[in-house]
Amino acid sequence: MRAMVVTLPAADLARAARFLAALGVAVDGAAADGGRASLAAATVVLVPAASGGGAGRPDGAGGSSGSSRVVARLAAASRQAVDCAFARALVAGGRPWQPLTDDGATYACSFADPDGHVWEVAYAAPDAGDVA
């Protein structure tokens, strides 16, 4: 497999691009016009939401009948980076999703973006293996 492309419907493309930029995702100039926001190993394509703009997503975050749920997981370099990403996500319009996870080996937060897509940022202790 050479690449993975994730398409995220967004009711407001400029807002979605700003949210991704707040998480440190490199957003190219076309993103506000329905272009792409690039992650290191994947491409996130923002597209206008279909009529209804993701109705049913905010509370269930994609778990409504007939839809699938994808949790995008970003690897962090430290526990502090997880906390910082969570704070930036909330300031940028996200909301908490699941409680903070800290099992000793992995430290992670999760949140939904303004369109209800779920994101997780995780740090794994060096001896815990790969989290991505």
C-alpha atoms as a PDB file:
ATOM      1  CA  MET A   1       0.000   0.000   0.000  1.00  0.00           C
ATOM      2  CA  ARG A   2       1.512   3.338  -1.038  1.00  0.00           C
ATOM      3  CA  ALA A   3      -0.823   5.855   0.571  1.00  0.00           C
ATOM      4  CA  MET A   4      -3.964   6.219   2.579  1.00  0.00           C
ATOM      5  CA  VAL A   5      -6.538   8.912   1.867  1.00  0.00           C
ATOM      6  CA  VAL A   6      -9.193   9.782   4.425  1.00  0.00           C
ATOM      7  CA  THR A   7     -12.132  11.893   3.275  1.00  0.00           C
ATOM      8  CA  LEU A   8     -13.816  13.948   5.968  1.00  0.00           C
ATOM      9  CA  PRO A   9     -17.077  15.732   5.172  1.00  0.00           C
ATOM     10  CA  ALA A  10     -17.052  19.239   6.620  1.00  0.00           C
ATOM     11  CA  ALA A  11     -19.936  21.670   6.913  1.00  0.00           C
ATOM     12  CA  ASP A  12     -17.476  24.602   6.908  1.00  0.00           C
ATOM     13  CA  LEU A  13     -14.283  23.841   4.994  1.00  0.00           C
ATOM     14  CA  ALA A  14     -12.376  26.885   6.245  1.00  0.00           C
ATOM     15  CA  ARG A  15     -13.243  26.033   9.880  1.00  0.00           C
ATOM     16  CA  ALA A  16     -12.141  22.423   9.339  1.00  0.00           C
ATOM     17  CA  ALA A  17      -8.852  23.605   7.832  1.00  0.00           C
ATOM     18  CA  ARG A  18      -8.273  25.931  10.820  1.00  0.00           C
ATOM     19  CA  PHE A  19      -9.007  23.053  13.222  1.00  0.00           C
ATOM     20  CA  LEU A  20      -6.487  20.779  11.486  1.00  0.00           C
ATOM     21  CA  ALA A  21      -3.907  23.571  11.463  1.00  0.00           C
ATOM     22  CA  ALA A  22      -4.410  23.981  15.242  1.00  0.00           C
ATOM     23  CA  LEU A  23      -3.470  20.298  15.597  1.00  0.00           C
ATOM     24  CA  GLY A  24      -0.291  20.881  13.628  1.00  0.00           C
ATOM     25  CA  VAL A  25      -1.529  19.270  10.421  1.00  0.00           C
ATOM     26  CA  ALA A  26       0.045  20.977   7.418  1.00  0.00           C
ATOM     27  CA  VAL A  27      -2.822  22.511   5.479  1.00  0.00           C
ATOM     28  CA  ASP A  28      -2.066  23.516   1.918  1.00  0.00           C
ATOM     29  CA  GLY A  29      -3.467  26.701   0.426  1.00  0.00           C
ATOM     30  CA  ALA A  30      -6.301  24.929  -1.360  1.00  0.00           C
ATOM     31  CA  ALA A  31      -7.818  23.499   1.825  1.00  0.00           C
ATOM     32  CA  ALA A  32     -10.135  26.448   2.412  1.00  0.00           C
ATOM     33  CA  ASP A  33     -11.490  25.902  -1.096  1.00  0.00           C
ATOM     34  CA  GLY A  34     -12.176  22.188  -0.618  1.00  0.00           C
ATOM     35  CA  GLY A  35      -8.614  21.069  -1.162  1.00  0.00           C
ATOM     36  CA  ARG A  36      -6.447  18.822   0.953  1.00  0.00           C
ATOM     37  CA  ALA A  37      -4.778  18.929   4.319  1.00  0.00           C
ATOM     38  CA  SER A  38      -1.739  16.684   4.485  1.00  0.00           C
ATOM     39  CA  LEU A  39      -0.554  14.475   7.332  1.00  0.00           C
ATOM     40  CA  ALA A  40       2.893  12.891   7.251  1.00  0.00           C
ATOM     41  CA  ALA A  41       1.718   9.438   6.133  1.00  0.00           C
ATOM     42  CA  ALA A  42      -1.771  10.201   4.895  1.00  0.00           C
ATOM     43  CA  THR A  43      -3.860  12.760   3.111  1.00  0.00           C
ATOM     44  CA  VAL A  44      -7.012  14.167   4.611  1.00  0.00           C
ATOM     45  CA  VAL A  45      -9.455  15.474   2.030  1.00  0.00           C
ATOM     46  CA  LEU A  46     -12.040  17.954   3.266  1.00  0.00           C
ATOM     47  CA  VAL A  47     -15.261  17.910   1.256  1.00  0.00           C
ATOM     48  CA  PRO A  48     -18.523  19.796   1.693  1.00  0.00           C
ATOM     49  CA  ALA A  49     -20.910  17.828   3.879  1.00  0.00           C
ATOM     50  CA  ALA A  50     -23.915  16.341   2.141  1.00  0.00           C
ATOM     51  CA  SER A  51     -27.264  17.910   2.892  1.00  0.00           C
ATOM     52  CA  GLY A  52     -27.787  17.652   6.625  1.00  0.00           C
ATOM     53  CA  GLY A  53     -24.107  18.428   7.285  1.00  0.00           C
ATOM     54  CA  GLY A  54     -23.344  15.262   9.247  1.00  0.00           C
ATOM     55  CA  ALA A  55     -26.610  15.128  11.158  1.00  0.00           C
ATOM     56  CA  GLY A  56     -26.430  12.620  13.950  1.00  0.00           C
ATOM     57  CA  ARG A  57     -22.638  12.872  14.239  1.00  0.00           C
ATOM     58  CA  PRO A  58     -21.974  15.259  17.128  1.00  0.00           C
ATOM     59  CA  ASP A  59     -23.083  12.964  19.952  1.00  0.00           C
ATOM     60  CA  GLY A  60     -22.428   9.610  18.294  1.00  0.00           C
ATOM     61  CA  ALA A  61     -19.417  10.819  16.330  1.00  0.00           C
ATOM     62  CA  GLY A  62     -20.150   8.716  13.300  1.00  0.00           C
ATOM     63  CA  GLY A  63     -21.773   5.803  15.059  1.00  0.00           C
ATOM     64  CA  SER A  64     -25.249   6.356  13.688  1.00  0.00           C
ATOM     65  CA  SER A  65     -26.957   3.507  11.895  1.00  0.00           C
ATOM     66  CA  GLY A  66     -25.639   2.962   8.397  1.00  0.00           C
ATOM     67  CA  SER A  67     -22.397   4.866   8.908  1.00  0.00           C
ATOM     68  CA  SER A  68     -18.946   3.857  10.010  1.00  0.00           C
ATOM     69  CA  ARG A  69     -16.801   5.325  12.767  1.00  0.00           C
ATOM     70  CA  VAL A  70     -13.173   6.080  12.164  1.00  0.00           C
ATOM     71  CA  VAL A  71     -10.916   7.363  14.912  1.00  0.00           C
ATOM     72  CA  ALA A  72      -7.904   9.187  13.501  1.00  0.00           C
ATOM     73  CA  ARG A  73      -4.945   8.586  15.807  1.00  0.00           C
ATOM     74  CA  LEU A  74      -1.966  10.905  15.867  1.00  0.00           C
ATOM     75  CA  ALA A  75       1.260   9.926  17.616  1.00  0.00           C
ATOM     76  CA  ALA A  76       2.714  12.442  20.083  1.00  0.00           C
ATOM     77  CA  ALA A  77       6.338  12.812  21.165  1.00  0.00           C
ATOM     78  CA  SER A  78       5.504  13.190  24.871  1.00  0.00           C
ATOM     79  CA  ARG A  79       2.738  13.241  27.471  1.00  0.00           C
ATOM     80  CA  GLN A  80       2.979  17.035  27.448  1.00  0.00           C
ATOM     81  CA  ALA A  81       2.425  17.030  23.679  1.00  0.00           C
ATOM     82  CA  VAL A  82      -0.796  15.043  24.229  1.00  0.00           C
ATOM     83  CA  ASP A  83      -2.037  17.597  26.754  1.00  0.00           C
ATOM     84  CA  CYS A  84      -1.080  20.474  24.462  1.00  0.00           C
ATOM     85  CA  ALA A  85      -2.868  18.921  21.451  1.00  0.00           C
ATOM     86  CA  PHE A  86      -5.994  18.387  23.562  1.00  0.00           C
ATOM     87  CA  ALA A  87      -5.981  22.015  24.719  1.00  0.00           C
ATOM     88  CA  ARG A  88      -5.454  23.285  21.143  1.00  0.00           C
ATOM     89  CA  ALA A  89      -8.298  21.071  19.884  1.00  0.00           C
ATOM     90  CA  LEU A  90     -10.716  22.471  22.467  1.00  0.00           C
ATOM     91  CA  VAL A  91      -9.723  26.078  21.743  1.00  0.00           C
ATOM     92  CA  ALA A  92     -10.196  25.398  18.013  1.00  0.00           C
ATOM     93  CA  GLY A  93     -13.791  24.229  18.519  1.00  0.00           C
ATOM     94  CA  GLY A  94     -13.391  20.549  19.359  1.00  0.00           C
ATOM     95  CA  ARG A  95     -15.008  18.858  22.333  1.00  0.00           C
ATOM     96  CA  PRO A  96     -13.897  16.020  24.597  1.00  0.00           C
ATOM     97  CA  TRP A  97     -14.918  12.556  23.449  1.00  0.00           C
ATOM     98  CA  GLN A  98     -13.655   9.794  25.780  1.00  0.00           C
ATOM     99  CA  PRO A  99     -11.917  10.277  29.137  1.00  0.00           C
ATOM    100  CA  LEU A 100      -8.137  10.614  29.172  1.00  0.00           C
ATOM    101  CA  THR A 101      -6.371   7.233  29.014  1.00  0.00           C
ATOM    102  CA  ASP A 102      -3.278   6.570  31.104  1.00  0.00           C
ATOM    103  CA  ASP A 103      -2.383   2.905  31.510  1.00  0.00           C
ATOM    104  CA  GLY A 104       1.285   3.515  32.249  1.00  0.00           C
ATOM    105  CA  ALA A 105       2.416   2.489  28.778  1.00  0.00           C
ATOM    106  CA  THR A 106       0.132   4.750  26.731  1.00  0.00           C
ATOM    107  CA  TYR A 107      -1.170   8.223  27.502  1.00  0.00           C
ATOM    108  CA  ALA A 108      -3.942   9.442  25.202  1.00  0.00           C
ATOM    109  CA  CYS A 109      -6.722  11.968  24.810  1.00  0.00           C
ATOM    110  CA  SER A 110      -9.619  11.984  22.385  1.00  0.00           C
ATOM    111  CA  PHE A 111     -11.897  14.659  21.043  1.00  0.00           C
ATOM    112  CA  ALA A 112     -14.396  15.293  18.277  1.00  0.00           C
ATOM    113  CA  ASP A 113     -13.726  18.042  15.773  1.00  0.00           C
ATOM    114  CA  PRO A 114     -16.431  20.615  14.944  1.00  0.00           C
ATOM    115  CA  ASP A 115     -17.917  18.222  12.364  1.00  0.00           C
ATOM    116  CA  GLY A 116     -18.019  15.307  14.826  1.00  0.00           C
ATOM    117  CA  HIS A 117     -15.032  13.351  13.486  1.00  0.00           C
ATOM    118  CA  VAL A 118     -13.157  11.658  16.322  1.00  0.00           C
ATOM    119  CA  TRP A 119      -9.429  12.198  16.854  1.00  0.00           C
ATOM    120  CA  GLU A 120      -7.061  10.637  19.354  1.00  0.00           C
ATOM    121  CA  VAL A 121      -3.575  11.851  20.242  1.00  0.00           C
ATOM    122  CA  ALA A 122      -1.411   9.276  21.994  1.00  0.00           C
ATOM    123  CA  TYR A 123       2.053   8.967  23.480  1.00  0.00           C
ATOM    124  CA  ALA A 124       3.547   5.537  24.036  1.00  0.00           C
ATOM    125  CA  ALA A 125       6.438   5.110  26.421  1.00  0.00           C
ATOM    126  CA  PRO A 126       9.555   4.044  24.480  1.00  0.00           C
ATOM    127  CA  ASP A 127       9.259   0.441  25.685  1.00  0.00           C
ATOM    128  CA  ALA A 128       5.504   0.294  24.891  1.00  0.00           C
ATOM    129  CA  GLY A 129       5.817  -0.156  21.113  1.00  0.00           C
ATOM    130  CA  ASP A 130       4.266   1.783  18.253  1.00  0.00           C
ATOM    131  CA  VAL A 131       0.905   3.523  18.876  1.00  0.00           C
ATOM    132  CA  ALA A 132       0.139   4.562  15.335  1.00  0.00           C
END
